[in-house]
Amino acid sequence: METDFDVHDHRHRMKLLRDDGATAAYDNRTQLQCPVCSNPFDRLLLIKTETISFPKNDGIPFCLVHRDDDIALFRH
């Protein structure tokens, strides 16, 4: 399965919700499929930094670190 999802190829099918330079959030308006599981996704979040923290909104707060060989997810 092709996991390289080029936002520019699909930009016309998504709505940009925010872009602050560190992250960009898009709403999937046309049932684009996830490149990992092939199911339609609701939102796409692009992270342009090596580390990021997500505060508790509707779930558990967590932090991500993009390391050389993997991505570490820390739930709080």
PDB file of N, CA and C in Angstrom:
ATOM      1  N   MET A   1       0.832  -1.170   0.000  1.00  0.00           N
ATOM      2  CA  MET A   1       0.000   0.000   0.000  1.00  0.00           C
ATOM      3  C   MET A   1       0.885   1.245   0.000  1.00  0.00           C
ATOM      4  N   GLU A   2       0.510   2.232  -0.737  1.00  0.00           N
ATOM      5  CA  GLU A   2       1.244   3.487  -0.816  1.00  0.00           C
ATOM      6  C   GLU A   2       0.928   4.349   0.399  1.00  0.00           C
ATOM      7  N   THR A   3       1.946   4.630   1.219  1.00  0.00           N
ATOM      8  CA  THR A   3       1.717   5.425   2.429  1.00  0.00           C
ATOM      9  C   THR A   3       2.174   6.867   2.270  1.00  0.00           C
ATOM     10  N   ASP A   4       2.681   7.239   1.120  1.00  0.00           N
ATOM     11  CA  ASP A   4       3.094   8.611   0.880  1.00  0.00           C
ATOM     12  C   ASP A   4       1.871   9.406   0.438  1.00  0.00           C
ATOM     13  N   PHE A   5       1.377  10.266   1.314  1.00  0.00           N
ATOM     14  CA  PHE A   5       0.181  11.057   1.048  1.00  0.00           C
ATOM     15  C   PHE A   5       0.624  12.492   0.788  1.00  0.00           C
ATOM     16  N   ASP A   6       0.553  12.936  -0.437  1.00  0.00           N
ATOM     17  CA  ASP A   6       0.966  14.284  -0.807  1.00  0.00           C
ATOM     18  C   ASP A   6      -0.225  15.224  -0.669  1.00  0.00           C
ATOM     19  N   VAL A   7      -0.165  16.103   0.319  1.00  0.00           N
ATOM     20  CA  VAL A   7      -1.260  17.029   0.593  1.00  0.00           C
ATOM     21  C   VAL A   7      -1.557  17.891  -0.629  1.00  0.00           C
ATOM     22  N   HIS A   8      -0.530  18.298  -1.346  1.00  0.00           N
ATOM     23  CA  HIS A   8      -0.733  19.164  -2.504  1.00  0.00           C
ATOM     24  C   HIS A   8      -1.547  18.470  -3.595  1.00  0.00           C
ATOM     25  N   ASP A   9      -1.419  17.152  -3.713  1.00  0.00           N
ATOM     26  CA  ASP A   9      -2.210  16.409  -4.701  1.00  0.00           C
ATOM     27  C   ASP A   9      -3.689  16.359  -4.334  1.00  0.00           C
ATOM     28  N   HIS A  10      -4.001  16.479  -3.044  1.00  0.00           N
ATOM     29  CA  HIS A  10      -5.376  16.330  -2.557  1.00  0.00           C
ATOM     30  C   HIS A  10      -5.932  17.609  -1.949  1.00  0.00           C
ATOM     31  N   ARG A  11      -5.185  18.702  -2.041  1.00  0.00           N
ATOM     32  CA  ARG A  11      -5.561  19.955  -1.381  1.00  0.00           C
ATOM     33  C   ARG A  11      -6.957  20.432  -1.769  1.00  0.00           C
ATOM     34  N   HIS A  12      -7.354  20.265  -2.997  1.00  0.00           N
ATOM     35  CA  HIS A  12      -8.662  20.724  -3.465  1.00  0.00           C
ATOM     36  C   HIS A  12      -9.815  19.910  -2.876  1.00  0.00           C
ATOM     37  N   ARG A  13      -9.509  18.779  -2.265  1.00  0.00           N
ATOM     38  CA  ARG A  13     -10.544  17.925  -1.669  1.00  0.00           C
ATOM     39  C   ARG A  13     -10.604  18.055  -0.152  1.00  0.00           C
ATOM     40  N   MET A  14      -9.733  18.912   0.411  1.00  0.00           N
ATOM     41  CA  MET A  14      -9.708  19.124   1.856  1.00  0.00           C
ATOM     42  C   MET A  14      -9.814  20.608   2.153  1.00  0.00           C
ATOM     43  N   LYS A  15     -10.273  20.938   3.358  1.00  0.00           N
ATOM     44  CA  LYS A  15     -10.360  22.326   3.799  1.00  0.00           C
ATOM     45  C   LYS A  15      -9.289  22.573   4.856  1.00  0.00           C
ATOM     46  N   LEU A  16      -8.471  23.594   4.632  1.00  0.00           N
ATOM     47  CA  LEU A  16      -7.463  23.978   5.612  1.00  0.00           C
ATOM     48  C   LEU A  16      -8.164  24.620   6.796  1.00  0.00           C
ATOM     49  N   LEU A  17      -7.968  24.050   7.993  1.00  0.00           N
ATOM     50  CA  LEU A  17      -8.571  24.590   9.210  1.00  0.00           C
ATOM     51  C   LEU A  17      -7.633  25.556   9.920  1.00  0.00           C
ATOM     52  N   ARG A  18      -6.346  25.216   9.936  1.00  0.00           N
ATOM     53  CA  ARG A  18      -5.352  26.119  10.533  1.00  0.00           C
ATOM     54  C   ARG A  18      -3.960  25.704  10.075  1.00  0.00           C
ATOM     55  N   ASP A  19      -3.075  26.696  10.060  1.00  0.00           N
ATOM     56  CA  ASP A  19      -1.672  26.459   9.754  1.00  0.00           C
ATOM     57  C   ASP A  19      -0.877  27.521  10.498  1.00  0.00           C
ATOM     58  N   ASP A  20      -0.193  27.092  11.571  1.00  0.00           N
ATOM     59  CA  ASP A  20       0.562  28.045  12.381  1.00  0.00           C
ATOM     60  C   ASP A  20       2.072  27.930  12.166  1.00  0.00           C
ATOM     61  N   GLY A  21       2.465  27.201  11.151  1.00  0.00           N
ATOM     62  CA  GLY A  21       3.878  27.013  10.860  1.00  0.00           C
ATOM     63  C   GLY A  21       4.449  25.739  11.467  1.00  0.00           C
ATOM     64  N   ALA A  22       3.980  25.365  12.663  1.00  0.00           N
ATOM     65  CA  ALA A  22       4.424  24.130  13.313  1.00  0.00           C
ATOM     66  C   ALA A  22       3.491  22.973  12.997  1.00  0.00           C
ATOM     67  N   THR A  23       2.195  23.276  12.852  1.00  0.00           N
ATOM     68  CA  THR A  23       1.207  22.257  12.514  1.00  0.00           C
ATOM     69  C   THR A  23       0.231  22.825  11.488  1.00  0.00           C
ATOM     70  N   ALA A  24      -0.370  21.926  10.740  1.00  0.00           N
ATOM     71  CA  ALA A  24      -1.433  22.295   9.815  1.00  0.00           C
ATOM     72  C   ALA A  24      -2.538  21.263   9.959  1.00  0.00           C
ATOM     73  N   ALA A  25      -3.779  21.730  10.027  1.00  0.00           N
ATOM     74  CA  ALA A  25      -4.928  20.828  10.185  1.00  0.00           C
ATOM     75  C   ALA A  25      -5.862  20.984   8.993  1.00  0.00           C
ATOM     76  N   TYR A  26      -6.324  19.850   8.484  1.00  0.00           N
ATOM     77  CA  TYR A  26      -7.222  19.821   7.328  1.00  0.00           C
ATOM     78  C   TYR A  26      -8.449  18.994   7.654  1.00  0.00           C
ATOM     79  N   ASP A  27      -9.591  19.395   7.092  1.00  0.00           N
ATOM     80  CA  ASP A  27     -10.835  18.649   7.180  1.00  0.00           C
ATOM     81  C   ASP A  27     -11.012  17.897   5.867  1.00  0.00           C
ATOM     82  N   ASN A  28     -11.300  16.613   5.946  1.00  0.00           N
ATOM     83  CA  ASN A  28     -11.502  15.787   4.760  1.00  0.00           C
ATOM     84  C   ASN A  28     -12.944  15.976   4.290  1.00  0.00           C
ATOM     85  N   ARG A  29     -13.140  16.724   3.211  1.00  0.00           N
ATOM     86  CA  ARG A  29     -14.481  17.050   2.729  1.00  0.00           C
ATOM     87  C   ARG A  29     -15.046  16.014   1.768  1.00  0.00           C
ATOM     88  N   THR A  30     -14.208  15.126   1.230  1.00  0.00           N
ATOM     89  CA  THR A  30     -14.687  14.246   0.158  1.00  0.00           C
ATOM     90  C   THR A  30     -14.367  12.774   0.392  1.00  0.00           C
ATOM     91  N   GLN A  31     -14.236  12.372   1.637  1.00  0.00           N
ATOM     92  CA  GLN A  31     -14.010  10.966   1.964  1.00  0.00           C
ATOM     93  C   GLN A  31     -12.720  10.398   1.370  1.00  0.00           C
ATOM     94  N   LEU A  32     -11.663  11.203   1.367  1.00  0.00           N
ATOM     95  CA  LEU A  32     -10.354  10.674   0.971  1.00  0.00           C
ATOM     96  C   LEU A  32     -10.002   9.517   1.889  1.00  0.00           C
ATOM     97  N   GLN A  33      -9.290   8.547   1.366  1.00  0.00           N
ATOM     98  CA  GLN A  33      -8.920   7.372   2.144  1.00  0.00           C
ATOM     99  C   GLN A  33      -7.576   7.556   2.824  1.00  0.00           C
ATOM    100  N   CYS A  34      -7.483   7.008   4.020  1.00  0.00           N
ATOM    101  CA  CYS A  34      -6.232   6.980   4.759  1.00  0.00           C
ATOM    102  C   CYS A  34      -5.236   6.101   4.005  1.00  0.00           C
ATOM    103  N   PRO A  35      -3.995   6.546   3.823  1.00  0.00           N
ATOM    104  CA  PRO A  35      -3.013   5.730   3.106  1.00  0.00           C
ATOM    105  C   PRO A  35      -2.533   4.521   3.901  1.00  0.00           C
ATOM    106  N   VAL A  36      -2.893   4.445   5.175  1.00  0.00           N
ATOM    107  CA  VAL A  36      -2.472   3.315   6.005  1.00  0.00           C
ATOM    108  C   VAL A  36      -3.512   2.207   6.014  1.00  0.00           C
ATOM    109  N   CYS A  37      -4.784   2.565   6.307  1.00  0.00           N
ATOM    110  CA  CYS A  37      -5.819   1.533   6.473  1.00  0.00           C
ATOM    111  C   CYS A  37      -6.883   1.544   5.381  1.00  0.00           C
ATOM    112  N   SER A  38      -6.859   2.516   4.495  1.00  0.00           N
ATOM    113  CA  SER A  38      -7.797   2.670   3.372  1.00  0.00           C
ATOM    114  C   SER A  38      -9.196   3.104   3.779  1.00  0.00           C
ATOM    115  N   ASN A  39      -9.429   3.402   5.048  1.00  0.00           N
ATOM    116  CA  ASN A  39     -10.714   3.926   5.485  1.00  0.00           C
ATOM    117  C   ASN A  39     -10.702   5.447   5.361  1.00  0.00           C
ATOM    118  N   PRO A  40     -11.866   6.050   5.102  1.00  0.00           N
ATOM    119  CA  PRO A  40     -11.911   7.507   5.056  1.00  0.00           C
ATOM    120  C   PRO A  40     -11.516   8.092   6.416  1.00  0.00           C
ATOM    121  N   PHE A  41     -10.789   9.198   6.389  1.00  0.00           N
ATOM    122  CA  PHE A  41     -10.409   9.861   7.634  1.00  0.00           C
ATOM    123  C   PHE A  41     -11.199  11.167   7.756  1.00  0.00           C
ATOM    124  N   ASP A  42     -11.332  11.660   8.989  1.00  0.00           N
ATOM    125  CA  ASP A  42     -12.051  12.907   9.241  1.00  0.00           C
ATOM    126  C   ASP A  42     -11.135  14.115   9.139  1.00  0.00           C
ATOM    127  N   ARG A  43     -10.005  14.039   9.826  1.00  0.00           N
ATOM    128  CA  ARG A  43      -9.073  15.161   9.893  1.00  0.00           C
ATOM    129  C   ARG A  43      -7.656  14.677   9.625  1.00  0.00           C
ATOM    130  N   LEU A  44      -6.844  15.576   9.108  1.00  0.00           N
ATOM    131  CA  LEU A  44      -5.431  15.316   8.889  1.00  0.00           C
ATOM    132  C   LEU A  44      -4.661  16.394   9.629  1.00  0.00           C
ATOM    133  N   LEU A  45      -3.709  15.992  10.457  1.00  0.00           N
ATOM    134  CA  LEU A  45      -2.842  16.915  11.165  1.00  0.00           C
ATOM    135  C   LEU A  45      -1.423  16.674  10.704  1.00  0.00           C
ATOM    136  N   LEU A  46      -0.794  17.691  10.144  1.00  0.00           N
ATOM    137  CA  LEU A  46       0.600  17.614   9.722  1.00  0.00           C
ATOM    138  C   LEU A  46       1.455  18.295  10.780  1.00  0.00           C
ATOM    139  N   ILE A  47       2.474  17.601  11.247  1.00  0.00           N
ATOM    140  CA  ILE A  47       3.368  18.112  12.275  1.00  0.00           C
ATOM    141  C   ILE A  47       4.713  18.389  11.630  1.00  0.00           C
ATOM    142  N   LYS A  48       5.150  19.620  11.693  1.00  0.00           N
ATOM    143  CA  LYS A  48       6.386  20.025  11.032  1.00  0.00           C
ATOM    144  C   LYS A  48       7.554  20.127  11.997  1.00  0.00           C
ATOM    145  N   THR A  49       7.308  19.907  13.275  1.00  0.00           N
ATOM    146  CA  THR A  49       8.359  19.983  14.283  1.00  0.00           C
ATOM    147  C   THR A  49       8.751  18.584  14.739  1.00  0.00           C
ATOM    148  N   GLU A  50       9.881  18.468  15.407  1.00  0.00           N
ATOM    149  CA  GLU A  50      10.342  17.168  15.882  1.00  0.00           C
ATOM    150  C   GLU A  50       9.553  16.686  17.097  1.00  0.00           C
ATOM    151  N   THR A  51       9.086  17.612  17.923  1.00  0.00           N
ATOM    152  CA  THR A  51       8.296  17.255  19.107  1.00  0.00           C
ATOM    153  C   THR A  51       7.044  18.109  19.163  1.00  0.00           C
ATOM    154  N   ILE A  52       5.989  17.554  19.785  1.00  0.00           N
ATOM    155  CA  ILE A  52       4.741  18.303  19.943  1.00  0.00           C
ATOM    156  C   ILE A  52       3.952  17.700  21.097  1.00  0.00           C
ATOM    157  N   SER A  53       3.217  18.554  21.816  1.00  0.00           N
ATOM    158  CA  SER A  53       2.340  18.118  22.897  1.00  0.00           C
ATOM    159  C   SER A  53       0.901  18.438  22.527  1.00  0.00           C
ATOM    160  N   PHE A  54      -0.001  17.532  22.869  1.00  0.00           N
ATOM    161  CA  PHE A  54      -1.425  17.725  22.640  1.00  0.00           C
ATOM    162  C   PHE A  54      -2.125  17.766  23.984  1.00  0.00           C
ATOM    163  N   PRO A  55      -2.782  18.872  24.314  1.00  0.00           N
ATOM    164  CA  PRO A  55      -3.489  18.950  25.591  1.00  0.00           C
ATOM    165  C   PRO A  55      -4.730  18.076  25.570  1.00  0.00           C
ATOM    166  N   LYS A  56      -5.263  17.843  26.735  1.00  0.00           N
ATOM    167  CA  LYS A  56      -6.477  17.041  26.845  1.00  0.00           C
ATOM    168  C   LYS A  56      -7.649  17.835  26.280  1.00  0.00           C
ATOM    169  N   ASN A  57      -8.284  17.302  25.269  1.00  0.00           N
ATOM    170  CA  ASN A  57      -9.499  17.888  24.702  1.00  0.00           C
ATOM    171  C   ASN A  57     -10.653  16.936  24.984  1.00  0.00           C
ATOM    172  N   ASP A  58     -10.794  15.927  24.171  1.00  0.00           N
ATOM    173  CA  ASP A  58     -11.832  14.920  24.371  1.00  0.00           C
ATOM    174  C   ASP A  58     -11.243  13.600  24.840  1.00  0.00           C
ATOM    175  N   GLY A  59      -9.946  13.560  25.014  1.00  0.00           N
ATOM    176  CA  GLY A  59      -9.309  12.306  25.371  1.00  0.00           C
ATOM    177  C   GLY A  59      -8.157  12.533  26.316  1.00  0.00           C
ATOM    178  N   ILE A  60      -7.171  11.699  26.192  1.00  0.00           N
ATOM    179  CA  ILE A  60      -6.004  11.722  27.064  1.00  0.00           C
ATOM    180  C   ILE A  60      -4.931  12.594  26.424  1.00  0.00           C
ATOM    181  N   PRO A  61      -4.298  13.512  27.186  1.00  0.00           N
ATOM    182  CA  PRO A  61      -3.216  14.308  26.609  1.00  0.00           C
ATOM    183  C   PRO A  61      -2.021  13.421  26.263  1.00  0.00           C
ATOM    184  N   PHE A  62      -1.301  13.806  25.224  1.00  0.00           N
ATOM    185  CA  PHE A  62      -0.133  13.027  24.831  1.00  0.00           C
ATOM    186  C   PHE A  62       0.894  13.908  24.148  1.00  0.00           C
ATOM    187  N   CYS A  63       2.111  13.383  24.064  1.00  0.00           N
ATOM    188  CA  CYS A  63       3.218  14.054  23.391  1.00  0.00           C
ATOM    189  C   CYS A  63       3.816  13.094  22.366  1.00  0.00           C
ATOM    190  N   LEU A  64       4.315  13.640  21.276  1.00  0.00           N
ATOM    191  CA  LEU A  64       4.969  12.855  20.232  1.00  0.00           C
ATOM    192  C   LEU A  64       6.390  13.338  20.042  1.00  0.00           C
ATOM    193  N   VAL A  65       7.293  12.390  19.807  1.00  0.00           N
ATOM    194  CA  VAL A  65       8.671  12.708  19.455  1.00  0.00           C
ATOM    195  C   VAL A  65       9.026  11.897  18.211  1.00  0.00           C
ATOM    196  N   HIS A  66       9.424  12.593  17.153  1.00  0.00           N
ATOM    197  CA  HIS A  66       9.876  11.904  15.946  1.00  0.00           C
ATOM    198  C   HIS A  66      11.360  11.641  16.111  1.00  0.00           C
ATOM    199  N   ARG A  67      11.710  10.367  16.257  1.00  0.00           N
ATOM    200  CA  ARG A  67      13.104   9.986  16.439  1.00  0.00           C
ATOM    201  C   ARG A  67      13.644   9.473  15.116  1.00  0.00           C
ATOM    202  N   ASP A  68      14.916   9.092  15.072  1.00  0.00           N
ATOM    203  CA  ASP A  68      15.546   8.645  13.824  1.00  0.00           C
ATOM    204  C   ASP A  68      14.812   7.475  13.185  1.00  0.00           C
ATOM    205  N   ASP A  69      14.444   6.476  13.995  1.00  0.00           N
ATOM    206  CA  ASP A  69      13.866   5.245  13.453  1.00  0.00           C
ATOM    207  C   ASP A  69      12.396   5.042  13.768  1.00  0.00           C
ATOM    208  N   ASP A  70      11.795   5.942  14.544  1.00  0.00           N
ATOM    209  CA  ASP A  70      10.406   5.730  14.913  1.00  0.00           C
ATOM    210  C   ASP A  70       9.785   7.022  15.447  1.00  0.00           C
ATOM    211  N   ILE A  71       8.528   6.919  15.845  1.00  0.00           N
ATOM    212  CA  ILE A  71       7.832   7.992  16.511  1.00  0.00           C
ATOM    213  C   ILE A  71       7.403   7.473  17.861  1.00  0.00           C
ATOM    214  N   ALA A  72       7.758   8.198  18.921  1.00  0.00           N
ATOM    215  CA  ALA A  72       7.396   7.794  20.283  1.00  0.00           C
ATOM    216  C   ALA A  72       6.151   8.586  20.713  1.00  0.00           C
ATOM    217  N   LEU A  73       5.161   7.876  21.246  1.00  0.00           N
ATOM    218  CA  LEU A  73       3.930   8.468  21.752  1.00  0.00           C
ATOM    219  C   LEU A  73       3.912   8.326  23.262  1.00  0.00           C
ATOM    220  N   PHE A  74       3.801   9.449  23.946  1.00  0.00           N
ATOM    221  CA  PHE A  74       3.758   9.446  25.415  1.00  0.00           C
ATOM    222  C   PHE A  74       2.375   9.900  25.849  1.00  0.00           C
ATOM    223  N   ARG A  75       1.601   9.000  26.460  1.00  0.00           N
ATOM    224  CA  ARG A  75       0.271   9.341  26.980  1.00  0.00           C
ATOM    225  C   ARG A  75       0.399   9.787  28.414  1.00  0.00           C
ATOM    226  N   HIS A  76      -0.380  10.796  28.795  1.00  0.00           N
ATOM    227  CA  HIS A  76      -0.329  11.329  30.169  1.00  0.00           C
ATOM    228  C   HIS A  76      -1.660  11.132  30.857  1.00  0.00           C
TER     229      HIS A  76
END
